[in-house]
Full PDB file with SEQRES, HELIX, SHEET, SSBOND, CRYST1, ORIGX, SCALE, CONECT and MASTER records, all heavy atoms in Angstrom:
SEQRES   1 A   32  ALA PHE LEU VAL TRP ARG THR GLY GLY LEU GLU ALA ALA          
SEQRES   2 A   32  ILE ALA SER HIS VAL ILE ASN ASN VAL PHE VAL TYR VAL          
SEQRES   3 A   32  ILE ALA SER LEU THR THR                                      
HELIX    1 AA1 PHE A    2  THR A    7  1                                   6    
HELIX    2 AA2 GLU A   11  THR A   31  1                                  21    
CRYST1    1.000    1.000    1.000  90.00  90.00  90.00 P 1           1          
ORIGX1      1.000000  0.000000  0.000000        0.00000                         
ORIGX2      0.000000  1.000000  0.000000        0.00000                         
ORIGX3      0.000000  0.000000  1.000000        0.00000                         
SCALE1      1.000000  0.000000  0.000000        0.00000                         
SCALE2      0.000000  1.000000  0.000000        0.00000                         
SCALE3      0.000000  0.000000  1.000000        0.00000                         
ATOM      1  N   ALA A   1      80.294 109.947 147.212  1.00  0.00           N  
ATOM      2  CA  ALA A   1      79.452 110.130 146.045  1.00  0.00           C  
ATOM      3  C   ALA A   1      79.816 109.178 144.921  1.00  0.00           C  
ATOM      4  O   ALA A   1      78.969 108.607 144.249  1.00  0.00           O  
ATOM      5  CB  ALA A   1      79.507 111.600 145.591  1.00  0.00           C  
ATOM      6  N   PHE A   2      81.121 108.962 144.779  1.00  0.00           N  
ATOM      7  CA  PHE A   2      81.616 108.011 143.754  1.00  0.00           C  
ATOM      8  C   PHE A   2      81.113 106.581 144.072  1.00  0.00           C  
ATOM      9  O   PHE A   2      80.694 105.848 143.190  1.00  0.00           O  
ATOM     10  CB  PHE A   2      83.131 108.014 143.674  1.00  0.00           C  
ATOM     11  CG  PHE A   2      83.741 107.168 142.656  1.00  0.00           C  
ATOM     12  CD1 PHE A   2      83.629 107.417 141.321  1.00  0.00           C  
ATOM     13  CD2 PHE A   2      84.360 105.968 142.999  1.00  0.00           C  
ATOM     14  CE1 PHE A   2      84.141 106.628 140.323  1.00  0.00           C  
ATOM     15  CE2 PHE A   2      84.899 105.144 142.028  1.00  0.00           C  
ATOM     16  CZ  PHE A   2      84.789 105.441 140.696  1.00  0.00           C  
ATOM     17  N   LEU A   3      81.105 106.226 145.387  1.00  0.00           N  
ATOM     18  CA  LEU A   3      80.606 104.959 145.784  1.00  0.00           C  
ATOM     19  C   LEU A   3      79.113 104.804 145.456  1.00  0.00           C  
ATOM     20  O   LEU A   3      78.677 103.750 144.946  1.00  0.00           O  
ATOM     21  CB  LEU A   3      80.729 104.724 147.330  1.00  0.00           C  
ATOM     22  CG  LEU A   3      82.042 104.093 147.785  1.00  0.00           C  
ATOM     23  CD1 LEU A   3      82.079 104.044 149.292  1.00  0.00           C  
ATOM     24  CD2 LEU A   3      82.177 102.674 147.239  1.00  0.00           C  
ATOM     25  N   VAL A   4      78.337 105.827 145.727  1.00  0.00           N  
ATOM     26  CA  VAL A   4      76.884 105.772 145.348  1.00  0.00           C  
ATOM     27  C   VAL A   4      76.764 105.590 143.866  1.00  0.00           C  
ATOM     28  O   VAL A   4      75.989 104.767 143.391  1.00  0.00           O  
ATOM     29  CB  VAL A   4      76.197 107.105 145.780  1.00  0.00           C  
ATOM     30  CG1 VAL A   4      74.795 107.173 145.271  1.00  0.00           C  
ATOM     31  CG2 VAL A   4      76.184 107.197 147.289  1.00  0.00           C  
ATOM     32  N   TRP A   5      77.512 106.313 143.097  1.00  0.00           N  
ATOM     33  CA  TRP A   5      77.436 106.256 141.640  1.00  0.00           C  
ATOM     34  C   TRP A   5      77.798 104.917 141.123  1.00  0.00           C  
ATOM     35  O   TRP A   5      77.133 104.307 140.281  1.00  0.00           O  
ATOM     36  CB  TRP A   5      78.293 107.345 141.081  1.00  0.00           C  
ATOM     37  CG  TRP A   5      78.333 107.501 139.569  1.00  0.00           C  
ATOM     38  CD1 TRP A   5      77.371 107.043 138.671  1.00  0.00           C  
ATOM     39  CD2 TRP A   5      79.336 108.089 138.765  1.00  0.00           C  
ATOM     40  NE1 TRP A   5      77.763 107.352 137.397  1.00  0.00           N  
ATOM     41  CE2 TRP A   5      78.920 108.000 137.437  1.00  0.00           C  
ATOM     42  CE3 TRP A   5      80.502 108.725 139.069  1.00  0.00           C  
ATOM     43  CZ2 TRP A   5      79.678 108.518 136.363  1.00  0.00           C  
ATOM     44  CZ3 TRP A   5      81.257 109.198 138.039  1.00  0.00           C  
ATOM     45  CH2 TRP A   5      80.850 109.118 136.705  1.00  0.00           C  
ATOM     46  N   ARG A   6      78.915 104.316 141.598  1.00  0.00           N  
ATOM     47  CA  ARG A   6      79.432 103.070 141.082  1.00  0.00           C  
ATOM     48  C   ARG A   6      78.722 101.841 141.628  1.00  0.00           C  
ATOM     49  O   ARG A   6      78.670 100.807 140.940  1.00  0.00           O  
ATOM     50  CB  ARG A   6      80.918 102.931 141.357  1.00  0.00           C  
ATOM     51  CG  ARG A   6      81.773 104.001 140.681  1.00  0.00           C  
ATOM     52  CD  ARG A   6      81.545 104.059 139.181  1.00  0.00           C  
ATOM     53  NE  ARG A   6      81.959 102.796 138.603  1.00  0.00           N  
ATOM     54  CZ  ARG A   6      81.571 102.385 137.401  1.00  0.00           C  
ATOM     55  NH1 ARG A   6      80.788 103.086 136.679  1.00  0.00           N  
ATOM     56  NH2 ARG A   6      82.035 101.253 136.944  1.00  0.00           N  
ATOM     57  N   THR A   7      78.183 101.900 142.848  1.00  0.00           N  
ATOM     58  CA  THR A   7      77.514 100.741 143.433  1.00  0.00           C  
ATOM     59  C   THR A   7      75.995 100.771 143.156  1.00  0.00           C  
ATOM     60  O   THR A   7      75.295  99.742 143.316  1.00  0.00           O  
ATOM     61  CB  THR A   7      77.715 100.615 144.933  1.00  0.00           C  
ATOM     62  OG1 THR A   7      77.140 101.774 145.626  1.00  0.00           O  
ATOM     63  CG2 THR A   7      79.184 100.515 145.254  1.00  0.00           C  
ATOM     64  N   GLY A   8      75.499 101.942 142.776  1.00  0.00           N  
ATOM     65  CA  GLY A   8      74.101 102.007 142.488  1.00  0.00           C  
ATOM     66  C   GLY A   8      73.179 102.147 143.709  1.00  0.00           C  
ATOM     67  O   GLY A   8      71.961 102.011 143.621  1.00  0.00           O  
ATOM     68  N   GLY A   9      73.773 102.443 144.856  1.00  0.00           N  
ATOM     69  CA  GLY A   9      72.958 102.584 146.076  1.00  0.00           C  
ATOM     70  C   GLY A   9      73.716 103.390 147.130  1.00  0.00           C  
ATOM     71  O   GLY A   9      74.924 103.622 147.029  1.00  0.00           O  
ATOM     72  N   LEU A  10      72.972 103.735 148.161  1.00  0.00           N  
ATOM     73  CA  LEU A  10      73.562 104.564 149.245  1.00  0.00           C  
ATOM     74  C   LEU A  10      74.292 103.734 150.297  1.00  0.00           C  
ATOM     75  O   LEU A  10      75.037 104.292 151.090  1.00  0.00           O  
ATOM     76  CB  LEU A  10      72.462 105.353 149.946  1.00  0.00           C  
ATOM     77  CG  LEU A  10      71.764 106.385 149.147  1.00  0.00           C  
ATOM     78  CD1 LEU A  10      70.512 106.924 149.882  1.00  0.00           C  
ATOM     79  CD2 LEU A  10      72.647 107.504 148.755  1.00  0.00           C  
ATOM     80  N   GLU A  11      74.074 102.442 150.336  1.00  0.00           N  
ATOM     81  CA  GLU A  11      74.521 101.612 151.427  1.00  0.00           C  
ATOM     82  C   GLU A  11      76.057 101.710 151.693  1.00  0.00           C  
ATOM     83  O   GLU A  11      76.475 101.877 152.847  1.00  0.00           O  
ATOM     84  CB  GLU A  11      74.147 100.139 151.213  1.00  0.00           C  
ATOM     85  CG  GLU A  11      72.677  99.883 151.118  1.00  0.00           C  
ATOM     86  CD  GLU A  11      72.118 100.161 149.728  1.00  0.00           C  
ATOM     87  OE1 GLU A  11      72.854 100.523 148.774  1.00  0.00           O  
ATOM     88  OE2 GLU A  11      70.862  99.971 149.553  1.00  0.00           O  
ATOM     89  N   ALA A  12      76.858 101.558 150.660  1.00  0.00           N  
ATOM     90  CA  ALA A  12      78.295 101.584 150.834  1.00  0.00           C  
ATOM     91  C   ALA A  12      78.822 102.921 151.328  1.00  0.00           C  
ATOM     92  O   ALA A  12      79.686 103.014 152.185  1.00  0.00           O  
ATOM     93  CB  ALA A  12      79.019 101.171 149.563  1.00  0.00           C  
ATOM     94  N   ALA A  13      78.225 103.984 150.814  1.00  0.00           N  
ATOM     95  CA  ALA A  13      78.606 105.366 151.204  1.00  0.00           C  
ATOM     96  C   ALA A  13      78.256 105.602 152.667  1.00  0.00           C  
ATOM     97  O   ALA A  13      79.019 106.179 153.398  1.00  0.00           O  
ATOM     98  CB  ALA A  13      78.008 106.399 150.294  1.00  0.00           C  
ATOM     99  N   ILE A  14      77.033 105.195 152.991  1.00  0.00           N  
ATOM    100  CA  ILE A  14      76.595 105.371 154.394  1.00  0.00           C  
ATOM    101  C   ILE A  14      77.501 104.532 155.371  1.00  0.00           C  
ATOM    102  O   ILE A  14      77.949 105.038 156.391  1.00  0.00           O  
ATOM    103  CB  ILE A  14      75.149 104.966 154.547  1.00  0.00           C  
ATOM    104  CG1 ILE A  14      74.247 105.984 153.859  1.00  0.00           C  
ATOM    105  CG2 ILE A  14      74.734 104.841 156.054  1.00  0.00           C  
ATOM    106  CD1 ILE A  14      72.785 105.562 153.742  1.00  0.00           C  
ATOM    107  N   ALA A  15      77.792 103.291 154.968  1.00  0.00           N  
ATOM    108  CA  ALA A  15      78.670 102.455 155.815  1.00  0.00           C  
ATOM    109  C   ALA A  15      80.053 103.080 155.934  1.00  0.00           C  
ATOM    110  O   ALA A  15      80.593 103.090 157.074  1.00  0.00           O  
ATOM    111  CB  ALA A  15      78.760 101.073 155.212  1.00  0.00           C  
ATOM    112  N   SER A  16      80.567 103.592 154.858  1.00  0.00           N  
ATOM    113  CA  SER A  16      81.909 104.216 154.996  1.00  0.00           C  
ATOM    114  C   SER A  16      81.891 105.439 155.865  1.00  0.00           C  
ATOM    115  O   SER A  16      82.832 105.693 156.636  1.00  0.00           O  
ATOM    116  CB  SER A  16      82.457 104.557 153.563  1.00  0.00           C  
ATOM    117  OG  SER A  16      81.668 105.493 152.931  1.00  0.00           O  
ATOM    118  N   HIS A  17      80.828 106.232 155.802  1.00  0.00           N  
ATOM    119  CA  HIS A  17      80.735 107.414 156.680  1.00  0.00           C  
ATOM    120  C   HIS A  17      80.566 106.995 158.109  1.00  0.00           C  
ATOM    121  O   HIS A  17      81.179 107.623 158.988  1.00  0.00           O  
ATOM    122  CB  HIS A  17      79.537 108.289 156.213  1.00  0.00           C  
ATOM    123  CG  HIS A  17      79.519 109.634 156.800  1.00  0.00           C  
ATOM    124  ND1 HIS A  17      78.854 109.895 158.021  1.00  0.00           N  
ATOM    125  CD2 HIS A  17      80.030 110.793 156.402  1.00  0.00           C  
ATOM    126  CE1 HIS A  17      78.961 111.147 158.332  1.00  0.00           C  
ATOM    127  NE2 HIS A  17      79.674 111.789 157.351  1.00  0.00           N  
ATOM    128  N   VAL A  18      79.825 106.031 158.381  1.00  0.00           N  
ATOM    129  CA  VAL A  18      79.594 105.507 159.721  1.00  0.00           C  
ATOM    130  C   VAL A  18      80.940 105.004 160.292  1.00  0.00           C  
ATOM    131  O   VAL A  18      81.315 105.339 161.467  1.00  0.00           O  
ATOM    132  CB  VAL A  18      78.496 104.407 159.803  1.00  0.00           C  
ATOM    133  CG1 VAL A  18      78.507 103.708 161.107  1.00  0.00           C  
ATOM    134  CG2 VAL A  18      77.135 105.059 159.547  1.00  0.00           C  
ATOM    135  N   ILE A  19      81.630 104.177 159.523  1.00  0.00           N  
ATOM    136  CA  ILE A  19      82.896 103.621 160.015  1.00  0.00           C  
ATOM    137  C   ILE A  19      83.897 104.734 160.264  1.00  0.00           C  
ATOM    138  O   ILE A  19      84.602 104.698 161.283  1.00  0.00           O  
ATOM    139  CB  ILE A  19      83.418 102.616 158.980  1.00  0.00           C  
ATOM    140  CG1 ILE A  19      82.575 101.321 158.981  1.00  0.00           C  
ATOM    141  CG2 ILE A  19      84.913 102.251 159.232  1.00  0.00           C  
ATOM    142  CD1 ILE A  19      82.826 100.377 157.861  1.00  0.00           C  
ATOM    143  N   ASN A  20      83.960 105.698 159.361  1.00  0.00           N  
ATOM    144  CA  ASN A  20      84.891 106.844 159.576  1.00  0.00           C  
ATOM    145  C   ASN A  20      84.513 107.547 160.883  1.00  0.00           C  
ATOM    146  O   ASN A  20      85.424 107.851 161.683  1.00  0.00           O  
ATOM    147  CB  ASN A  20      84.728 107.772 158.395  1.00  0.00           C  
ATOM    148  CG  ASN A  20      85.727 108.949 158.482  1.00  0.00           C  
ATOM    149  OD1 ASN A  20      86.921 108.787 158.378  1.00  0.00           O  
ATOM    150  ND2 ASN A  20      85.190 110.138 158.707  1.00  0.00           N  
ATOM    151  N   ASN A  21      83.265 107.840 161.104  1.00  0.00           N  
ATOM    152  CA  ASN A  21      82.851 108.579 162.311  1.00  0.00           C  
ATOM    153  C   ASN A  21      83.099 107.763 163.576  1.00  0.00           C  
ATOM    154  O   ASN A  21      83.480 108.301 164.601  1.00  0.00           O  
ATOM    155  CB  ASN A  21      81.389 108.997 162.213  1.00  0.00           C  
ATOM    156  CG  ASN A  21      81.241 110.169 161.266  1.00  0.00           C  
ATOM    157  OD1 ASN A  21      82.171 110.691 160.672  1.00  0.00           O  
ATOM    158  ND2 ASN A  21      79.986 110.584 161.123  1.00  0.00           N  
ATOM    159  N   VAL A  22      82.876 106.462 163.512  1.00  0.00           N  
ATOM    160  CA  VAL A  22      83.103 105.596 164.672  1.00  0.00           C  
ATOM    161  C   VAL A  22      84.602 105.639 165.044  1.00  0.00           C  
ATOM    162  O   VAL A  22      84.973 105.813 166.220  1.00  0.00           O  
ATOM    163  CB  VAL A  22      82.625 104.152 164.438  1.00  0.00           C  
ATOM    164  CG1 VAL A  22      83.190 103.156 165.454  1.00  0.00           C  
ATOM    165  CG2 VAL A  22      81.157 104.076 164.437  1.00  0.00           C  
ATOM    166  N   PHE A  23      85.468 105.544 164.042  1.00  0.00           N  
ATOM    167  CA  PHE A  23      86.922 105.644 164.352  1.00  0.00           C  
ATOM    168  C   PHE A  23      87.249 106.984 164.933  1.00  0.00           C  
ATOM    169  O   PHE A  23      88.026 107.065 165.923  1.00  0.00           O  
ATOM    170  CB  PHE A  23      87.728 105.383 163.056  1.00  0.00           C  
ATOM    171  CG  PHE A  23      87.969 103.953 162.763  1.00  0.00           C  
ATOM    172  CD1 PHE A  23      87.441 103.409 161.561  1.00  0.00           C  
ATOM    173  CD2 PHE A  23      88.698 103.128 163.607  1.00  0.00           C  
ATOM    174  CE1 PHE A  23      87.665 102.050 161.320  1.00  0.00           C  
ATOM    175  CE2 PHE A  23      88.886 101.824 163.314  1.00  0.00           C  
ATOM    176  CZ  PHE A  23      88.375 101.263 162.179  1.00  0.00           C  
ATOM    177  N   VAL A  24      86.701 108.041 164.364  1.00  0.00           N  
ATOM    178  CA  VAL A  24      87.037 109.382 164.904  1.00  0.00           C  
ATOM    179  C   VAL A  24      86.538 109.535 166.356  1.00  0.00           C  
ATOM    180  O   VAL A  24      87.256 110.071 167.214  1.00  0.00           O  
ATOM    181  CB  VAL A  24      86.385 110.460 164.021  1.00  0.00           C  
ATOM    182  CG1 VAL A  24      86.481 111.836 164.644  1.00  0.00           C  
ATOM    183  CG2 VAL A  24      87.066 110.484 162.640  1.00  0.00           C  
ATOM    184  N   TYR A  25      85.314 109.098 166.617  1.00  0.00           N  
ATOM    185  CA  TYR A  25      84.778 109.199 168.008  1.00  0.00           C  
ATOM    186  C   TYR A  25      85.514 108.332 168.958  1.00  0.00           C  
ATOM    187  O   TYR A  25      85.751 108.693 170.141  1.00  0.00           O  
ATOM    188  CB  TYR A  25      83.285 108.851 168.010  1.00  0.00           C  
ATOM    189  CG  TYR A  25      82.403 110.066 167.641  1.00  0.00           C  
ATOM    190  CD1 TYR A  25      82.066 110.279 166.303  1.00  0.00           C  
ATOM    191  CD2 TYR A  25      81.969 110.991 168.536  1.00  0.00           C  
ATOM    192  CE1 TYR A  25      81.289 111.381 165.873  1.00  0.00           C  
ATOM    193  CE2 TYR A  25      81.201 112.056 168.208  1.00  0.00           C  
ATOM    194  CZ  TYR A  25      80.881 112.234 166.863  1.00  0.00           C  
ATOM    195  OH  TYR A  25      80.109 113.322 166.484  1.00  0.00           O  
ATOM    196  N   VAL A  26      85.936 107.143 168.546  1.00  0.00           N  
ATOM    197  CA  VAL A  26      86.669 106.255 169.466  1.00  0.00           C  
ATOM    198  C   VAL A  26      88.045 106.839 169.773  1.00  0.00           C  
ATOM    199  O   VAL A  26      88.428 106.915 170.965  1.00  0.00           O  
ATOM    200  CB  VAL A  26      86.828 104.836 168.878  1.00  0.00           C  
ATOM    201  CG1 VAL A  26      87.866 104.008 169.612  1.00  0.00           C  
ATOM    202  CG2 VAL A  26      85.480 104.095 168.860  1.00  0.00           C  
ATOM    203  N   ILE A  27      88.731 107.311 168.780  1.00  0.00           N  
ATOM    204  CA  ILE A  27      90.032 107.954 168.975  1.00  0.00           C  
ATOM    205  C   ILE A  27      89.879 109.196 169.867  1.00  0.00           C  
ATOM    206  O   ILE A  27      90.692 109.410 170.782  1.00  0.00           O  
ATOM    207  CB  ILE A  27      90.704 108.312 167.641  1.00  0.00           C  
ATOM    208  CG1 ILE A  27      91.107 107.018 166.950  1.00  0.00           C  
ATOM    209  CG2 ILE A  27      91.907 109.239 167.876  1.00  0.00           C  
ATOM    210  CD1 ILE A  27      91.531 107.192 165.492  1.00  0.00           C  
ATOM    211  N   ALA A  28      88.829 109.980 169.648  1.00  0.00           N  
ATOM    212  CA  ALA A  28      88.617 111.217 170.441  1.00  0.00           C  
ATOM    213  C   ALA A  28      88.324 110.817 171.888  1.00  0.00           C  
ATOM    214  O   ALA A  28      88.815 111.485 172.775  1.00  0.00           O  
ATOM    215  CB  ALA A  28      87.467 112.038 169.861  1.00  0.00           C  
ATOM    216  N   SER A  29      87.552 109.783 172.105  1.00  0.00           N  
ATOM    217  CA  SER A  29      87.218 109.431 173.485  1.00  0.00           C  
ATOM    218  C   SER A  29      88.423 108.865 174.224  1.00  0.00           C  
ATOM    219  O   SER A  29      88.467 108.954 175.455  1.00  0.00           O  
ATOM    220  CB  SER A  29      86.015 108.415 173.510  1.00  0.00           C  
ATOM    221  OG  SER A  29      86.403 107.199 172.888  1.00  0.00           O  
ATOM    222  N   LEU A  30      89.347 108.298 173.507  1.00  0.00           N  
ATOM    223  CA  LEU A  30      90.523 107.669 174.128  1.00  0.00           C  
ATOM    224  C   LEU A  30      91.679 108.712 174.334  1.00  0.00           C  
ATOM    225  O   LEU A  30      92.529 108.522 175.144  1.00  0.00           O  
ATOM    226  CB  LEU A  30      91.052 106.529 173.330  1.00  0.00           C  
ATOM    227  CG  LEU A  30      90.153 105.317 173.201  1.00  0.00           C  
ATOM    228  CD1 LEU A  30      90.705 104.309 172.273  1.00  0.00           C  
ATOM    229  CD2 LEU A  30      89.917 104.720 174.604  1.00  0.00           C  
ATOM    230  N   THR A  31      91.683 109.786 173.534  1.00  0.00           N  
ATOM    231  CA  THR A  31      92.787 110.749 173.596  1.00  0.00           C  
ATOM    232  C   THR A  31      92.399 112.072 174.193  1.00  0.00           C  
ATOM    233  O   THR A  31      93.070 112.569 175.124  1.00  0.00           O  
ATOM    234  CB  THR A  31      93.354 110.956 172.183  1.00  0.00           C  
ATOM    235  OG1 THR A  31      92.349 111.434 171.306  1.00  0.00           O  
ATOM    236  CG2 THR A  31      93.973 109.699 171.636  1.00  0.00           C  
ATOM    237  N   THR A  32      91.383 112.738 173.714  1.00  0.00           N  
ATOM    238  CA  THR A  32      90.982 114.080 174.214  1.00  0.00           C  
ATOM    239  C   THR A  32      89.645 114.024 174.770  1.00  0.00           C  
ATOM    240  O   THR A  32      89.419 113.487 175.821  1.00  0.00           O  
ATOM    241  CB  THR A  32      91.125 115.141 173.137  1.00  0.00           C  
ATOM    242  OG1 THR A  32      90.339 114.804 172.022  1.00  0.00           O  
ATOM    243  CG2 THR A  32      92.589 115.314 172.652  1.00  0.00           C  
TER     244      THR A  32                                                      
MASTER        0    0    0    2    0    0    0    6  243    1    0    3          
END                                                                             
């Protein structure tokens, strides 16, 4: 939300959420 507020758009917040989820899913697929 802070990213949305400071950058004036949703793009950075969406990108950060996507990157976070990609890392989580990759780690999950490699470990459990």
